[in-house]
Amino acid sequence: MARIFLSGASGNVGKALVREIAAGGEFELAGGWCLEAGKDLGTLAGIAPLGVAASASLEEGVAASKPDVVVEFSAAAVMEDNLECYLRLGADAVIGTTGLKPDKLAELGARAAAQGLRWSALPNYALGINLVAKFLREAREYYPYASVTDRHPAEMGNAPSGTAAMLAGILSEREAGTIRSKETYDGALGANIGGTQVFAERLSYPGPFSGHTIRLARKDEVITINVDDFSSGVFTGGVLMAVRKLLSSPRGVFITSFDELTA
C-alpha cells in the first residue's frame, strides 16, 4: 500500500484528501504538515482519529515518515521553499499549490527530473476545468478575442489563480484580437498574460469555492463558459490519479498536464 504525506493537511484540499485516503483503503496516510502541529489528522479532517499527528516541521516529517509520495497543497507563500525541501530529501511529489511563475516551476521540475525524481505539477486537478481546457485548444483558432476571470474568497493567497494563468496560456497560443481601448485607470483591462485579459475577483465567497469564467468572441458571437467548484472534493480524484501515475512511471518524469495523467 502506497504511503502518502500531505503538506497542507488542514487546508480544504488537505482535509478532503485525508477523508478520501482514510475511506478508500488503497493508500496509507504516512503523515502530514500544517499549522496545527501535534493534532490528529483525522480529527482535523472531521473524521475519527487516525493515530497520525501533524508534524511541526515539513522536512523532519517527510524524512521521518519516508512516504512513497508527498502531496503538496499548503500555501503559495511557502511553495518554493517546500519544493526545495523535496529536492533535498529526494521525494517524489504531486504538487497542487499554485503561486509560482511558470519559469520558476519549470526550473524546479527540471532539477527534480535530473535527480531522477517523479513530480506532477498541475494548476488544477479537477475534471471539469481540464475538459474545458481541451475545448479551448480547439476553439481558440476561430475566436480571436478571449478573457479569463477567476473568482475566489478574499483570503486567497495569490491573484490570479494558477488555473486562470493556465487557461490564459492556452488561449495565448494564438494571436489575440486587437483591443483599442486605453486604460484611464491602471488595471482596468486586467492583467495581460500572453495577450489574454485575466481578471481576479476576490469577494466573501465561502472558503472552498472556486470559480472560473472564460469568454471567447468573434464577430457577432460570444461563448461564455463557467466552471464553479463548491467543494475541494472535486480535486481528490485527480490528485490520487497523479499519485498512481507517478508510482507507475519511470524515474525522472515531470508531468505538467492533465492529458499526461490519462495517457
C-alpha atoms as a PDB file:
ATOM      1  CA  MET A   1       0.000   0.000   0.000  1.00  0.00           C
ATOM      2  CA  ALA A   2       1.497   3.326  -1.100  1.00  0.00           C
ATOM      3  CA  ARG A   3       2.171   5.829   1.676  1.00  0.00           C
ATOM      4  CA  ILE A   4       1.271   9.495   1.210  1.00  0.00           C
ATOM      5  CA  PHE A   5       2.497  12.505   3.177  1.00  0.00           C
ATOM      6  CA  LEU A   6       0.256  15.590   2.974  1.00  0.00           C
ATOM      7  CA  SER A   7       1.717  19.086   3.053  1.00  0.00           C
ATOM      8  CA  GLY A   8      -1.111  21.450   3.934  1.00  0.00           C
ATOM      9  CA  ALA A   9      -3.089  18.690   5.632  1.00  0.00           C
ATOM     10  CA  SER A  10      -5.516  21.048   7.381  1.00  0.00           C
ATOM     11  CA  GLY A  11      -6.431  23.073   4.280  1.00  0.00           C
ATOM     12  CA  ASN A  12      -9.602  22.475   2.299  1.00  0.00           C
ATOM     13  CA  VAL A  13      -7.961  20.107  -0.187  1.00  0.00           C
ATOM     14  CA  GLY A  14      -5.792  18.531   2.507  1.00  0.00           C
ATOM     15  CA  LYS A  15      -8.779  17.629   4.671  1.00  0.00           C
ATOM     16  CA  ALA A  16     -10.674  16.249   1.673  1.00  0.00           C
ATOM     17  CA  LEU A  17      -7.664  14.066   0.845  1.00  0.00           C
ATOM     18  CA  VAL A  18      -7.382  12.821   4.425  1.00  0.00           C
ATOM     19  CA  ARG A  19     -11.031  11.727   4.285  1.00  0.00           C
ATOM     20  CA  GLU A  20     -10.581  10.101   0.864  1.00  0.00           C
ATOM     21  CA  ILE A  21      -7.429   8.228   1.873  1.00  0.00           C
ATOM     22  CA  ALA A  22      -8.991   7.043   5.135  1.00  0.00           C
ATOM     23  CA  ALA A  23     -12.103   5.754   3.377  1.00  0.00           C
ATOM     24  CA  GLY A  24     -10.523   4.283   0.255  1.00  0.00           C
ATOM     25  CA  GLY A  25      -8.204   1.551   1.502  1.00  0.00           C
ATOM     26  CA  GLU A  26      -5.850   1.982  -1.459  1.00  0.00           C
ATOM     27  CA  PHE A  27      -3.375   4.360   0.186  1.00  0.00           C
ATOM     28  CA  GLU A  28      -1.951   4.845   3.669  1.00  0.00           C
ATOM     29  CA  LEU A  29      -1.582   8.264   5.302  1.00  0.00           C
ATOM     30  CA  ALA A  30       2.085   8.407   6.284  1.00  0.00           C
ATOM     31  CA  GLY A  31       1.941  11.850   7.875  1.00  0.00           C
ATOM     32  CA  GLY A  32       1.161  15.467   7.305  1.00  0.00           C
ATOM     33  CA  TRP A  33       2.331  19.001   7.898  1.00  0.00           C
ATOM     34  CA  CYS A  34       0.197  22.019   8.772  1.00  0.00           C
ATOM     35  CA  LEU A  35      -0.073  24.805  11.347  1.00  0.00           C
ATOM     36  CA  GLU A  36      -1.885  22.532  13.830  1.00  0.00           C
ATOM     37  CA  ALA A  37       1.254  20.599  14.809  1.00  0.00           C
ATOM     38  CA  GLY A  38       0.582  17.630  17.072  1.00  0.00           C
ATOM     39  CA  LYS A  39      -3.126  17.389  16.222  1.00  0.00           C
ATOM     40  CA  ASP A  40      -4.522  14.163  14.791  1.00  0.00           C
ATOM     41  CA  LEU A  41      -5.046  14.495  11.031  1.00  0.00           C
ATOM     42  CA  GLY A  42      -8.317  12.586  11.172  1.00  0.00           C
ATOM     43  CA  THR A  43      -9.686  14.912  13.828  1.00  0.00           C
ATOM     44  CA  LEU A  44      -8.642  17.956  11.789  1.00  0.00           C
ATOM     45  CA  ALA A  45     -10.471  16.491   8.779  1.00  0.00           C
ATOM     46  CA  GLY A  46     -13.658  15.965  10.758  1.00  0.00           C
ATOM     47  CA  ILE A  47     -13.495  12.168  10.978  1.00  0.00           C
ATOM     48  CA  ALA A  48     -12.413   9.681  13.641  1.00  0.00           C
ATOM     49  CA  PRO A  49      -8.796   9.966  14.863  1.00  0.00           C
ATOM     50  CA  LEU A  50      -6.331   8.126  12.636  1.00  0.00           C
ATOM     51  CA  GLY A  51      -3.387   7.966  15.014  1.00  0.00           C
ATOM     52  CA  VAL A  52      -1.330  10.177  12.685  1.00  0.00           C
ATOM     53  CA  ALA A  53      -0.303  13.559  14.095  1.00  0.00           C
ATOM     54  CA  ALA A  54       0.598  16.678  12.127  1.00  0.00           C
ATOM     55  CA  SER A  55       4.331  17.370  12.063  1.00  0.00           C
ATOM     56  CA  ALA A  56       5.773  20.665  13.293  1.00  0.00           C
ATOM     57  CA  SER A  57       8.440  20.583  10.571  1.00  0.00           C
ATOM     58  CA  LEU A  58       7.851  19.668   6.936  1.00  0.00           C
ATOM     59  CA  GLU A  59      11.402  18.457   6.385  1.00  0.00           C
ATOM     60  CA  GLU A  60      11.522  16.412   9.582  1.00  0.00           C
ATOM     61  CA  GLY A  61       8.056  14.993   8.955  1.00  0.00           C
ATOM     62  CA  VAL A  62       8.852  13.797   5.438  1.00  0.00           C
ATOM     63  CA  ALA A  63      12.259  12.443   6.457  1.00  0.00           C
ATOM     64  CA  ALA A  64      10.840  10.516   9.422  1.00  0.00           C
ATOM     65  CA  SER A  65       7.762   9.055   7.701  1.00  0.00           C
ATOM     66  CA  LYS A  66       9.550   8.013   4.475  1.00  0.00           C
ATOM     67  CA  PRO A  67       6.463   8.284   2.218  1.00  0.00           C
ATOM     68  CA  ASP A  68       6.238   6.972  -1.311  1.00  0.00           C
ATOM     69  CA  VAL A  69       4.809  10.311  -2.466  1.00  0.00           C
ATOM     70  CA  VAL A  70       4.392  13.774  -0.958  1.00  0.00           C
ATOM     71  CA  VAL A  71       1.233  15.674  -1.901  1.00  0.00           C
ATOM     72  CA  GLU A  72       1.784  19.442  -1.762  1.00  0.00           C
ATOM     73  CA  PHE A  73      -1.261  21.624  -1.043  1.00  0.00           C
ATOM     74  CA  SER A  74      -0.005  24.127   1.517  1.00  0.00           C
ATOM     75  CA  ALA A  75       0.264  27.825   0.601  1.00  0.00           C
ATOM     76  CA  ALA A  76       1.679  29.846  -2.263  1.00  0.00           C
ATOM     77  CA  ALA A  77       3.988  31.804   0.068  1.00  0.00           C
ATOM     78  CA  VAL A  78       5.927  28.663   1.062  1.00  0.00           C
ATOM     79  CA  MET A  79       5.645  26.656  -2.132  1.00  0.00           C
ATOM     80  CA  GLU A  80       9.136  27.346  -3.456  1.00  0.00           C
ATOM     81  CA  ASP A  81      10.735  26.522  -0.088  1.00  0.00           C
ATOM     82  CA  ASN A  82       8.699  23.311   0.105  1.00  0.00           C
ATOM     83  CA  LEU A  83       9.761  22.181  -3.359  1.00  0.00           C
ATOM     84  CA  GLU A  84      13.376  22.883  -2.468  1.00  0.00           C
ATOM     85  CA  CYS A  85      12.819  20.664   0.576  1.00  0.00           C
ATOM     86  CA  TYR A  86      11.576  17.800  -1.617  1.00  0.00           C
ATOM     87  CA  LEU A  87      14.624  18.201  -3.826  1.00  0.00           C
ATOM     88  CA  ARG A  88      16.918  17.941  -0.789  1.00  0.00           C
ATOM     89  CA  LEU A  89      15.098  14.863   0.500  1.00  0.00           C
ATOM     90  CA  GLY A  90      14.756  13.192  -2.901  1.00  0.00           C
ATOM     91  CA  ALA A  91      10.968  12.989  -2.583  1.00  0.00           C
ATOM     92  CA  ASP A  92       8.522  12.186  -5.370  1.00  0.00           C
ATOM     93  CA  ALA A  93       5.711  14.751  -5.275  1.00  0.00           C
ATOM     94  CA  VAL A  94       2.259  15.649  -6.544  1.00  0.00           C
ATOM     95  CA  ILE A  95       2.152  19.448  -6.479  1.00  0.00           C
ATOM     96  CA  GLY A  96      -1.154  21.288  -6.401  1.00  0.00           C
ATOM     97  CA  THR A  97      -0.310  24.569  -4.710  1.00  0.00           C
ATOM     98  CA  THR A  98      -0.225  27.473  -7.159  1.00  0.00           C
ATOM     99  CA  GLY A  99       1.638  30.752  -6.966  1.00  0.00           C
ATOM    100  CA  LEU A 100       4.929  30.063  -8.720  1.00  0.00           C
ATOM    101  CA  LYS A 101       5.516  31.571 -12.133  1.00  0.00           C
ATOM    102  CA  PRO A 102       5.870  29.006 -14.935  1.00  0.00           C
ATOM    103  CA  ASP A 103       9.606  29.634 -15.442  1.00  0.00           C
ATOM    104  CA  LYS A 104      10.412  29.000 -11.767  1.00  0.00           C
ATOM    105  CA  LEU A 105       8.265  25.867 -11.663  1.00  0.00           C
ATOM    106  CA  ALA A 106       9.904  24.638 -14.871  1.00  0.00           C
ATOM    107  CA  GLU A 107      13.345  25.207 -13.342  1.00  0.00           C
ATOM    108  CA  LEU A 108      12.485  23.257 -10.178  1.00  0.00           C
ATOM    109  CA  GLY A 109      10.835  20.497 -12.199  1.00  0.00           C
ATOM    110  CA  ALA A 110      13.902  20.172 -14.426  1.00  0.00           C
ATOM    111  CA  ARG A 111      16.097  19.824 -11.348  1.00  0.00           C
ATOM    112  CA  ALA A 112      13.773  17.148  -9.973  1.00  0.00           C
ATOM    113  CA  ALA A 113      13.852  15.213 -13.232  1.00  0.00           C
ATOM    114  CA  ALA A 114      17.652  15.473 -13.354  1.00  0.00           C
ATOM    115  CA  GLN A 115      17.770  13.930  -9.861  1.00  0.00           C
ATOM    116  CA  GLY A 116      15.583  11.059 -11.054  1.00  0.00           C
ATOM    117  CA  LEU A 117      12.560  12.209  -9.065  1.00  0.00           C
ATOM    118  CA  ARG A 118       8.960  11.863 -10.231  1.00  0.00           C
ATOM    119  CA  TRP A 119       6.879  15.041  -9.951  1.00  0.00           C
ATOM    120  CA  SER A 120       3.444  16.094 -11.130  1.00  0.00           C
ATOM    121  CA  ALA A 121       2.666  19.839 -11.044  1.00  0.00           C
ATOM    122  CA  LEU A 122      -0.725  20.932 -12.349  1.00  0.00           C
ATOM    123  CA  PRO A 123      -2.563  24.206 -11.661  1.00  0.00           C
ATOM    124  CA  ASN A 124      -5.814  22.270 -11.263  1.00  0.00           C
ATOM    125  CA  TYR A 125      -6.541  18.568 -10.729  1.00  0.00           C
ATOM    126  CA  ALA A 126     -10.330  18.801 -11.208  1.00  0.00           C
ATOM    127  CA  LEU A 127     -12.003  17.093 -14.162  1.00  0.00           C
ATOM    128  CA  GLY A 128     -14.245  19.972 -15.286  1.00  0.00           C
ATOM    129  CA  ILE A 129     -11.626  22.646 -15.818  1.00  0.00           C
ATOM    130  CA  ASN A 130      -9.341  20.231 -17.663  1.00  0.00           C
ATOM    131  CA  LEU A 131     -12.120  19.208 -20.057  1.00  0.00           C
ATOM    132  CA  VAL A 132     -12.759  22.911 -20.695  1.00  0.00           C
ATOM    133  CA  ALA A 133      -9.035  23.386 -21.373  1.00  0.00           C
ATOM    134  CA  LYS A 134      -9.229  20.712 -24.079  1.00  0.00           C
ATOM    135  CA  PHE A 135     -12.126  22.545 -25.725  1.00  0.00           C
ATOM    136  CA  LEU A 136     -10.295  25.879 -25.606  1.00  0.00           C
ATOM    137  CA  ARG A 137      -7.328  24.458 -27.503  1.00  0.00           C
ATOM    138  CA  GLU A 138      -9.664  23.556 -30.369  1.00  0.00           C
ATOM    139  CA  ALA A 139     -11.985  26.575 -30.276  1.00  0.00           C
ATOM    140  CA  ARG A 140      -9.375  29.308 -29.893  1.00  0.00           C
ATOM    141  CA  GLU A 141      -8.445  29.065 -33.580  1.00  0.00           C
ATOM    142  CA  TYR A 142     -11.838  30.522 -34.507  1.00  0.00           C
ATOM    143  CA  TYR A 143     -12.283  33.096 -31.728  1.00  0.00           C
ATOM    144  CA  PRO A 144      -9.672  35.884 -31.703  1.00  0.00           C
ATOM    145  CA  TYR A 145     -10.905  37.544 -28.506  1.00  0.00           C
ATOM    146  CA  ALA A 146     -10.676  35.877 -25.119  1.00  0.00           C
ATOM    147  CA  SER A 147     -10.714  36.704 -21.425  1.00  0.00           C
ATOM    148  CA  VAL A 148     -10.498  34.783 -18.150  1.00  0.00           C
ATOM    149  CA  THR A 149     -11.925  35.759 -14.764  1.00  0.00           C
ATOM    150  CA  ASP A 150     -11.216  33.798 -11.596  1.00  0.00           C
ATOM    151  CA  ARG A 151     -13.412  34.147  -8.504  1.00  0.00           C
ATOM    152  CA  HIS A 152     -12.115  33.154  -5.092  1.00  0.00           C
ATOM    153  CA  PRO A 153     -12.507  34.071  -1.415  1.00  0.00           C
ATOM    154  CA  ALA A 154     -10.811  37.220  -0.168  1.00  0.00           C
ATOM    155  CA  GLU A 155      -8.311  35.041   1.728  1.00  0.00           C
ATOM    156  CA  MET A 156      -6.925  33.516  -1.491  1.00  0.00           C
ATOM    157  CA  GLY A 157      -3.145  33.808  -1.358  1.00  0.00           C
ATOM    158  CA  ASN A 158      -2.430  34.712  -4.987  1.00  0.00           C
ATOM    159  CA  ALA A 159      -4.036  36.553  -7.874  1.00  0.00           C
ATOM    160  CA  PRO A 160      -4.729  35.435 -10.476  1.00  0.00           C
ATOM    161  CA  SER A 161      -5.228  31.772  -9.652  1.00  0.00           C
ATOM    162  CA  GLY A 162      -2.838  29.267 -11.156  1.00  0.00           C
ATOM    163  CA  THR A 163      -5.790  27.855 -13.089  1.00  0.00           C
ATOM    164  CA  ALA A 164      -6.553  31.258 -14.618  1.00  0.00           C
ATOM    165  CA  ALA A 165      -2.922  31.604 -15.660  1.00  0.00           C
ATOM    166  CA  MET A 166      -3.006  28.119 -17.200  1.00  0.00           C
ATOM    167  CA  LEU A 167      -6.154  28.939 -19.189  1.00  0.00           C
ATOM    168  CA  ALA A 168      -4.637  32.224 -20.350  1.00  0.00           C
ATOM    169  CA  GLY A 169      -1.560  30.345 -21.509  1.00  0.00           C
ATOM    170  CA  ILE A 170      -3.721  28.073 -23.647  1.00  0.00           C
ATOM    171  CA  LEU A 171      -5.693  30.996 -25.077  1.00  0.00           C
ATOM    172  CA  SER A 172      -2.475  32.883 -25.830  1.00  0.00           C
ATOM    173  CA  GLU A 173      -1.153  30.151 -28.097  1.00  0.00           C
ATOM    174  CA  ARG A 174      -2.856  32.007 -30.953  1.00  0.00           C
ATOM    175  CA  GLU A 175      -2.783  35.683 -31.867  1.00  0.00           C
ATOM    176  CA  ALA A 176      -5.276  37.813 -29.967  1.00  0.00           C
ATOM    177  CA  GLY A 177      -7.735  40.284 -31.440  1.00  0.00           C
ATOM    178  CA  THR A 178      -6.857  43.970 -31.262  1.00  0.00           C
ATOM    179  CA  ILE A 179      -8.178  45.994 -28.317  1.00  0.00           C
ATOM    180  CA  ARG A 180      -8.085  49.715 -28.976  1.00  0.00           C
ATOM    181  CA  SER A 181      -9.278  50.848 -25.555  1.00  0.00           C
ATOM    182  CA  LYS A 182      -6.764  52.740 -23.425  1.00  0.00           C
ATOM    183  CA  GLU A 183      -6.822  52.359 -19.646  1.00  0.00           C
ATOM    184  CA  THR A 184      -7.818  55.506 -17.795  1.00  0.00           C
ATOM    185  CA  TYR A 185      -7.241  53.569 -14.551  1.00  0.00           C
ATOM    186  CA  ASP A 186      -4.363  51.091 -14.173  1.00  0.00           C
ATOM    187  CA  GLY A 187      -5.539  47.505 -14.333  1.00  0.00           C
ATOM    188  CA  ALA A 188      -8.939  48.272 -15.832  1.00  0.00           C
ATOM    189  CA  LEU A 189      -8.217  45.841 -18.667  1.00  0.00           C
ATOM    190  CA  GLY A 190      -6.884  43.248 -16.238  1.00  0.00           C
ATOM    191  CA  ALA A 191      -3.552  41.513 -16.317  1.00  0.00           C
ATOM    192  CA  ASN A 192      -2.127  40.671 -19.730  1.00  0.00           C
ATOM    193  CA  ILE A 193      -0.901  37.069 -19.864  1.00  0.00           C
ATOM    194  CA  GLY A 194       0.461  36.390 -23.320  1.00  0.00           C
ATOM    195  CA  GLY A 195      -2.132  38.687 -24.847  1.00  0.00           C
ATOM    196  CA  THR A 196      -5.129  37.347 -22.910  1.00  0.00           C
ATOM    197  CA  GLN A 197      -7.033  39.536 -20.450  1.00  0.00           C
ATOM    198  CA  VAL A 198      -7.136  37.998 -16.963  1.00  0.00           C
ATOM    199  CA  PHE A 199      -9.177  39.328 -14.062  1.00  0.00           C
ATOM    200  CA  ALA A 200      -9.114  38.172 -10.429  1.00  0.00           C
ATOM    201  CA  GLU A 201     -12.217  38.791  -8.311  1.00  0.00           C
ATOM    202  CA  ARG A 202     -11.837  38.406  -4.554  1.00  0.00           C
ATOM    203  CA  LEU A 203     -15.070  38.582  -2.528  1.00  0.00           C
ATOM    204  CA  SER A 204     -16.542  36.941   0.573  1.00  0.00           C
ATOM    205  CA  TYR A 205     -17.138  33.594  -1.113  1.00  0.00           C
ATOM    206  CA  PRO A 206     -17.194  30.578   1.235  1.00  0.00           C
ATOM    207  CA  GLY A 207     -13.768  29.000   1.730  1.00  0.00           C
ATOM    208  CA  PRO A 208     -13.925  26.006  -0.648  1.00  0.00           C
ATOM    209  CA  PHE A 209     -15.467  27.965  -3.536  1.00  0.00           C
ATOM    210  CA  SER A 210     -13.512  28.347  -6.769  1.00  0.00           C
ATOM    211  CA  GLY A 211     -14.932  29.829  -9.949  1.00  0.00           C
ATOM    212  CA  HIS A 212     -13.569  30.500 -13.429  1.00  0.00           C
ATOM    213  CA  THR A 213     -15.284  32.216 -16.365  1.00  0.00           C
ATOM    214  CA  ILE A 214     -13.832  32.053 -19.870  1.00  0.00           C
ATOM    215  CA  ARG A 215     -15.175  34.143 -22.732  1.00  0.00           C
ATOM    216  CA  LEU A 216     -14.375  33.592 -26.388  1.00  0.00           C
ATOM    217  CA  ALA A 217     -15.557  36.039 -29.013  1.00  0.00           C
ATOM    218  CA  ARG A 218     -15.652  36.572 -32.746  1.00  0.00           C
ATOM    219  CA  LYS A 219     -17.799  38.879 -34.853  1.00  0.00           C
ATOM    220  CA  ASP A 220     -21.405  38.722 -33.613  1.00  0.00           C
ATOM    221  CA  GLU A 221     -20.823  35.801 -31.247  1.00  0.00           C
ATOM    222  CA  VAL A 222     -19.603  35.297 -27.672  1.00  0.00           C
ATOM    223  CA  ILE A 223     -19.173  31.972 -25.906  1.00  0.00           C
ATOM    224  CA  THR A 224     -19.219  32.075 -22.100  1.00  0.00           C
ATOM    225  CA  ILE A 225     -18.087  29.101 -20.040  1.00  0.00           C
ATOM    226  CA  ASN A 226     -18.473  28.985 -16.252  1.00  0.00           C
ATOM    227  CA  VAL A 227     -16.816  26.366 -14.069  1.00  0.00           C
ATOM    228  CA  ASP A 228     -17.825  26.649 -10.406  1.00  0.00           C
ATOM    229  CA  ASP A 229     -16.488  24.266  -7.760  1.00  0.00           C
ATOM    230  CA  PHE A 230     -18.178  24.267  -4.361  1.00  0.00           C
ATOM    231  CA  SER A 231     -16.113  21.630  -2.584  1.00  0.00           C
ATOM    232  CA  SER A 232     -12.452  20.719  -2.509  1.00  0.00           C
ATOM    233  CA  GLY A 233     -13.545  17.145  -3.041  1.00  0.00           C
ATOM    234  CA  VAL A 234     -13.537  17.834  -6.789  1.00  0.00           C
ATOM    235  CA  PHE A 235      -9.722  17.747  -6.704  1.00  0.00           C
ATOM    236  CA  THR A 236      -9.127  14.477  -4.850  1.00  0.00           C
ATOM    237  CA  GLY A 237      -9.776  12.139  -7.784  1.00  0.00           C
ATOM    238  CA  GLY A 238      -7.218  13.894  -9.969  1.00  0.00           C
ATOM    239  CA  VAL A 239      -4.657  14.109  -7.169  1.00  0.00           C
ATOM    240  CA  LEU A 240      -4.856  10.382  -6.449  1.00  0.00           C
ATOM    241  CA  MET A 241      -4.773   9.694 -10.195  1.00  0.00           C
ATOM    242  CA  ALA A 242      -1.482  11.605 -10.247  1.00  0.00           C
ATOM    243  CA  VAL A 243      -0.152   9.553  -7.330  1.00  0.00           C
ATOM    244  CA  ARG A 244      -0.927   6.339  -9.205  1.00  0.00           C
ATOM    245  CA  LYS A 245       0.635   7.705 -12.400  1.00  0.00           C
ATOM    246  CA  LEU A 246       3.867   8.700 -10.651  1.00  0.00           C
ATOM    247  CA  LEU A 247       4.230   5.360  -8.913  1.00  0.00           C
ATOM    248  CA  SER A 248       3.938   3.558 -12.263  1.00  0.00           C
ATOM    249  CA  SER A 249       6.193   5.984 -14.172  1.00  0.00           C
ATOM    250  CA  PRO A 250       9.927   5.758 -14.827  1.00  0.00           C
ATOM    251  CA  ARG A 251      12.311   7.881 -12.796  1.00  0.00           C
ATOM    252  CA  GLY A 252      12.867  11.437 -13.987  1.00  0.00           C
ATOM    253  CA  VAL A 253       9.307  12.167 -15.134  1.00  0.00           C
ATOM    254  CA  PHE A 254       7.835  15.668 -14.718  1.00  0.00           C
ATOM    255  CA  ILE A 255       4.110  15.781 -15.505  1.00  0.00           C
ATOM    256  CA  THR A 256       2.633  19.201 -16.235  1.00  0.00           C
ATOM    257  CA  SER A 257      -0.691  18.487 -17.963  1.00  0.00           C
ATOM    258  CA  PHE A 258      -3.852  16.526 -17.199  1.00  0.00           C
ATOM    259  CA  ASP A 259      -3.544  14.761 -20.543  1.00  0.00           C
ATOM    260  CA  GLU A 260      -0.322  13.135 -19.335  1.00  0.00           C
ATOM    261  CA  LEU A 261      -2.195  11.665 -16.360  1.00  0.00           C
ATOM    262  CA  THR A 262      -4.675   9.928 -18.629  1.00  0.00           C
ATOM    263  CA  ALA A 263      -2.196   8.811 -21.295  1.00  0.00           C
END
